C-alpha cells in the first residue's frame, strides 16, 4: 500500500528565492527570444506578438494580457497561488524592461536563442510551480487541466502553442516560426517531463 508523499515545508525565504530565481531565468530567456526576433507560445507568446504589432514593450503587454486570468486562478487554485502568480508576472514585466540595461546582444544565433530560451524558461517555470506560483495566463489553465484530469500541463500548453503559432505564421517569416518552434518544443518538454505531481507536490 502506497503512502502519501509528505508535502515539502516551504518557508517564506524558500519561496522568495525559488520564485525570484524562476522570474530571473524566465526574464533572461525572454530577453534572448525577443533579441533574436523570435516568438513563443502561451501568454508570453501572445504578449510578444502584440509587442511586435503595437510597438509597446513586452513587459507592458505581458502584464495586460495576464489580467483576465487572475479571477480564474483565484477561484480554482486559491488565493496564495494567485497572489504569488501576480507577483511573479509583475516582477517579470519589470525585469524584462530593465534586462537590456545589463546585457545587450550584438550577435545572436537564432537556434541558440531558441534552445536557450526553452531551457531557461522551462527551468524557471518549474521553480515557480514548485513554490506554488506561475506566470499566470494560459499556464493557469494548463495547471487546472492537469490537476482535474491528469492530462499533462506540458501537452495542454503544446495545444495552445499550436494555435498561437498558427496565427504567427500569417504575420512573421517562415524561418522565424521554424526557429521559434524549437524553443517552444524544448520549453514544453522540460515541463512535461519534470512537472509531475506524483514526484513533487508543491505547497
Protein backbone atom coordinates (compact mmCIF):
# COMPACT_ATOMS: atom_id res chain seq x y z
CA UNK A 1 0.00 0.00 0.00
CA UNK A 2 1.45 3.35 -1.07
CA UNK A 3 1.74 6.11 1.46
CA UNK A 4 1.07 9.72 0.54
CA UNK A 5 4.22 11.73 -0.01
CA UNK A 6 4.65 14.47 2.55
CA UNK A 7 4.34 17.99 1.20
CA UNK A 8 7.56 20.00 1.36
CA UNK A 9 7.62 22.64 4.06
CA UNK A 10 8.49 25.82 2.18
CA UNK A 11 9.40 28.77 4.35
CA UNK A 12 8.95 32.36 3.24
CA UNK A 13 12.66 32.52 2.41
CA UNK A 14 12.35 29.31 0.38
CA UNK A 15 9.52 30.81 -1.64
CA UNK A 16 11.31 34.11 -2.16
CA UNK A 17 14.46 32.52 -3.51
CA UNK A 18 12.59 29.95 -5.60
CA UNK A 19 10.20 32.44 -7.19
CA UNK A 20 12.93 35.06 -7.67
CA UNK A 21 15.17 32.55 -9.43
CA UNK A 22 12.27 31.48 -11.61
CA UNK A 23 11.50 35.07 -12.59
CA UNK A 24 15.13 35.81 -13.41
CA UNK A 25 15.56 32.71 -15.58
CA UNK A 26 12.34 33.42 -17.43
CA UNK A 27 13.24 37.08 -17.95
CA UNK A 28 16.66 36.16 -19.33
CA UNK A 29 15.08 33.60 -21.65
CA UNK A 30 12.54 36.12 -22.93
CA UNK A 31 15.33 38.67 -23.46
CA UNK A 32 17.18 36.18 -25.66
CA UNK A 33 13.98 35.37 -27.53
CA UNK A 34 12.99 38.94 -28.31
CA UNK A 35 16.58 39.96 -29.08
CA UNK A 36 16.59 37.30 -31.79
CA UNK A 37 13.19 38.47 -33.07
CA UNK A 38 11.54 35.14 -32.30
CA UNK A 39 8.17 34.28 -30.79
CA UNK A 40 6.86 31.68 -28.38
CA UNK A 41 3.61 30.19 -27.23
CA UNK A 42 1.40 30.67 -24.19
CA UNK A 43 0.55 34.06 -22.75
CA UNK A 44 4.13 35.19 -23.26
CA UNK A 45 3.75 34.39 -26.96
CA UNK A 46 0.60 36.48 -27.19
CA UNK A 47 2.44 39.34 -25.46
CA UNK A 48 5.47 39.03 -27.78
CA UNK A 49 3.29 39.12 -30.90
CA UNK A 50 1.32 42.09 -29.59
CA UNK A 51 4.55 43.92 -28.74
CA UNK A 52 5.77 43.39 -32.31
CA UNK A 53 2.45 44.58 -33.77
CA UNK A 54 1.84 47.55 -31.49
CA UNK A 55 5.31 48.77 -30.60
CA UNK A 56 4.59 48.53 -26.87
CA UNK A 57 7.16 46.69 -24.77
CA UNK A 58 6.84 43.02 -23.93
CA UNK A 59 6.62 43.83 -20.21
CA UNK A 60 3.63 46.11 -20.71
CA UNK A 61 1.77 43.69 -22.95
CA UNK A 62 2.56 40.68 -20.75
CA UNK A 63 1.16 42.36 -17.66
CA UNK A 64 -2.01 43.44 -19.50
CA UNK A 65 -2.68 40.07 -21.18
CA UNK A 66 -2.49 38.26 -17.83
CA UNK A 67 -5.13 40.37 -16.08
CA UNK A 68 -8.21 38.30 -17.09
CA UNK A 69 -6.70 35.06 -15.78
CA UNK A 70 -6.33 36.10 -12.16
CA UNK A 71 -10.03 35.62 -11.42
CA UNK A 72 -9.89 32.07 -12.78
CA UNK A 73 -6.78 31.34 -10.74
CA UNK A 74 -8.36 32.75 -7.57
CA UNK A 75 -11.47 30.59 -7.95
CA UNK A 76 -9.77 27.33 -8.93
CA UNK A 77 -6.26 27.43 -7.46
CA UNK A 78 -6.65 29.62 -4.39
CA UNK A 79 -5.55 32.98 -3.07
CA UNK A 80 -1.93 32.01 -2.32
CA UNK A 81 -1.29 30.75 -5.84
CA UNK A 82 -2.97 33.79 -7.39
CA UNK A 83 -1.07 36.31 -5.28
CA UNK A 84 2.26 34.62 -5.95
CA UNK A 85 1.46 34.49 -9.67
CA UNK A 86 0.54 38.18 -9.70
CA UNK A 87 3.84 38.99 -8.01
CA UNK A 88 5.78 36.82 -10.49
CA UNK A 89 4.05 38.36 -13.52
CA UNK A 90 4.64 41.88 -12.22
CA UNK A 91 8.30 41.16 -11.47
CA UNK A 92 8.84 39.55 -14.86
CA UNK A 93 7.28 42.56 -16.57
CA UNK A 94 9.64 44.86 -14.67
CA UNK A 95 12.77 42.72 -15.05
CA UNK A 96 12.29 42.32 -18.82
CA UNK A 97 12.12 46.12 -19.04
CA UNK A 98 15.46 46.59 -17.26
CA UNK A 99 17.24 43.49 -18.58
CA UNK A 100 18.53 45.32 -21.71
CA UNK A 101 20.33 47.76 -19.40
CA UNK A 102 22.50 44.93 -18.13
CA UNK A 103 23.03 42.89 -21.27
CA UNK A 104 22.77 43.63 -24.98
CA UNK A 105 23.06 41.22 -27.89
CA UNK A 106 25.29 42.28 -30.78
CA UNK A 107 25.20 38.86 -32.45
CA UNK A 108 22.78 36.09 -31.54
CA UNK A 109 22.26 32.87 -33.46
CA UNK A 110 18.50 32.16 -33.67
CA UNK A 111 18.93 28.42 -33.00
CA UNK A 112 20.98 29.12 -29.88
CA UNK A 113 18.47 31.75 -28.77
CA UNK A 114 15.59 29.31 -29.22
CA UNK A 115 17.32 26.47 -27.35
CA UNK A 116 18.48 28.72 -24.51
CA UNK A 117 15.03 30.30 -24.24
CA UNK A 118 13.32 26.94 -23.97
CA UNK A 119 15.73 25.61 -21.35
CA UNK A 120 15.85 28.78 -19.24
CA UNK A 121 12.10 29.40 -19.19
CA UNK A 122 11.33 25.72 -18.67
CA UNK A 123 13.51 25.55 -15.56
CA UNK A 124 12.25 28.95 -14.42
CA UNK A 125 8.64 27.82 -14.62
CA UNK A 126 9.45 24.62 -12.74
CA UNK A 127 10.92 26.70 -9.93
CA UNK A 128 7.72 28.75 -9.78
CA UNK A 129 5.43 25.71 -9.92
CA UNK A 130 7.28 24.05 -7.06
CA UNK A 131 6.78 27.13 -4.92
CA UNK A 132 3.08 27.39 -5.80
CA UNK A 133 3.47 30.21 -8.30
CA UNK A 134 3.30 30.69 -12.05
CA UNK A 135 3.36 33.28 -14.77
CA UNK A 136 -0.42 33.22 -14.91
CA UNK A 137 -2.29 33.26 -18.18
CA UNK A 138 -2.69 30.08 -20.16
CA UNK A 139 -0.34 28.32 -17.76
CA UNK A 140 -3.09 28.59 -15.15
CA UNK A 141 -5.48 26.81 -17.49
CA UNK A 142 -2.88 24.10 -18.15
CA UNK A 143 -2.34 23.50 -14.42
CA UNK A 144 -6.09 23.30 -13.79
CA UNK A 145 -6.50 20.77 -16.60
CA UNK A 146 -3.62 18.66 -15.24
CA UNK A 147 -4.91 18.72 -11.66
CA UNK A 148 -8.50 17.91 -12.62
CA UNK A 149 -8.00 15.40 -15.46
CA UNK A 150 -4.42 14.14 -15.17
CA UNK A 151 -3.66 15.34 -18.70
CA UNK A 152 -0.12 16.73 -18.52
CA UNK A 153 0.26 20.51 -18.37
CA UNK A 154 3.01 20.36 -20.97
CA UNK A 155 0.72 18.74 -23.52
CA UNK A 156 -2.01 21.28 -22.81
CA UNK A 157 0.48 24.05 -23.42
CA UNK A 158 1.57 22.44 -26.69
CA UNK A 159 -2.04 22.62 -27.91
CA UNK A 160 -2.21 26.30 -27.01
CA UNK A 161 1.13 26.86 -28.71
CA UNK A 162 -0.11 25.27 -31.92
CA UNK A 163 -2.93 27.81 -32.11
CA UNK A 164 -0.65 30.77 -31.36
CA UNK A 165 1.99 29.70 -33.87
CA UNK A 166 -0.69 29.18 -36.49
CA UNK A 167 -1.64 32.84 -36.10
CA UNK A 168 2.00 33.97 -36.04
CA UNK A 169 2.58 32.17 -39.34
CA UNK A 170 0.47 34.81 -41.09
CA UNK A 171 2.46 37.79 -39.79
CA UNK A 172 6.06 36.54 -39.50
CA UNK A 173 8.51 34.90 -41.93
CA UNK A 174 8.51 31.07 -42.02
CA UNK A 175 12.16 30.98 -40.85
CA UNK A 176 11.24 32.88 -37.68
CA UNK A 177 8.40 30.45 -36.99
CA UNK A 178 10.69 27.46 -37.53
CA UNK A 179 13.35 28.73 -35.11
CA UNK A 180 10.68 29.73 -32.60
CA UNK A 181 9.13 26.28 -32.66
CA UNK A 182 12.44 24.82 -31.48
CA UNK A 183 12.27 26.92 -28.35
CA UNK A 184 8.62 26.10 -27.71
CA UNK A 185 9.25 22.36 -28.03
CA UNK A 186 12.22 22.48 -25.65
CA UNK A 187 10.26 24.51 -23.09
CA UNK A 188 7.24 22.22 -23.15
CA UNK A 189 9.34 19.05 -22.99
CA UNK A 190 11.07 20.39 -19.87
CA UNK A 191 7.67 20.99 -18.27
CA UNK A 192 6.13 17.72 -19.48
CA UNK A 193 8.99 15.53 -18.30
CA UNK A 194 9.72 17.24 -14.99
CA UNK A 195 6.46 18.74 -13.68
CA UNK A 196 4.76 15.72 -12.12
CA UNK A 197 2.57 15.87 -9.03
CA UNK A 198 3.42 12.25 -8.16
CA UNK A 199 7.08 13.19 -7.81
CA UNK A 200 6.80 16.58 -6.16
CA UNK A 201 3.76 18.11 -4.51
CA UNK A 202 4.05 21.86 -4.08
CA UNK A 203 2.61 23.53 -1.02
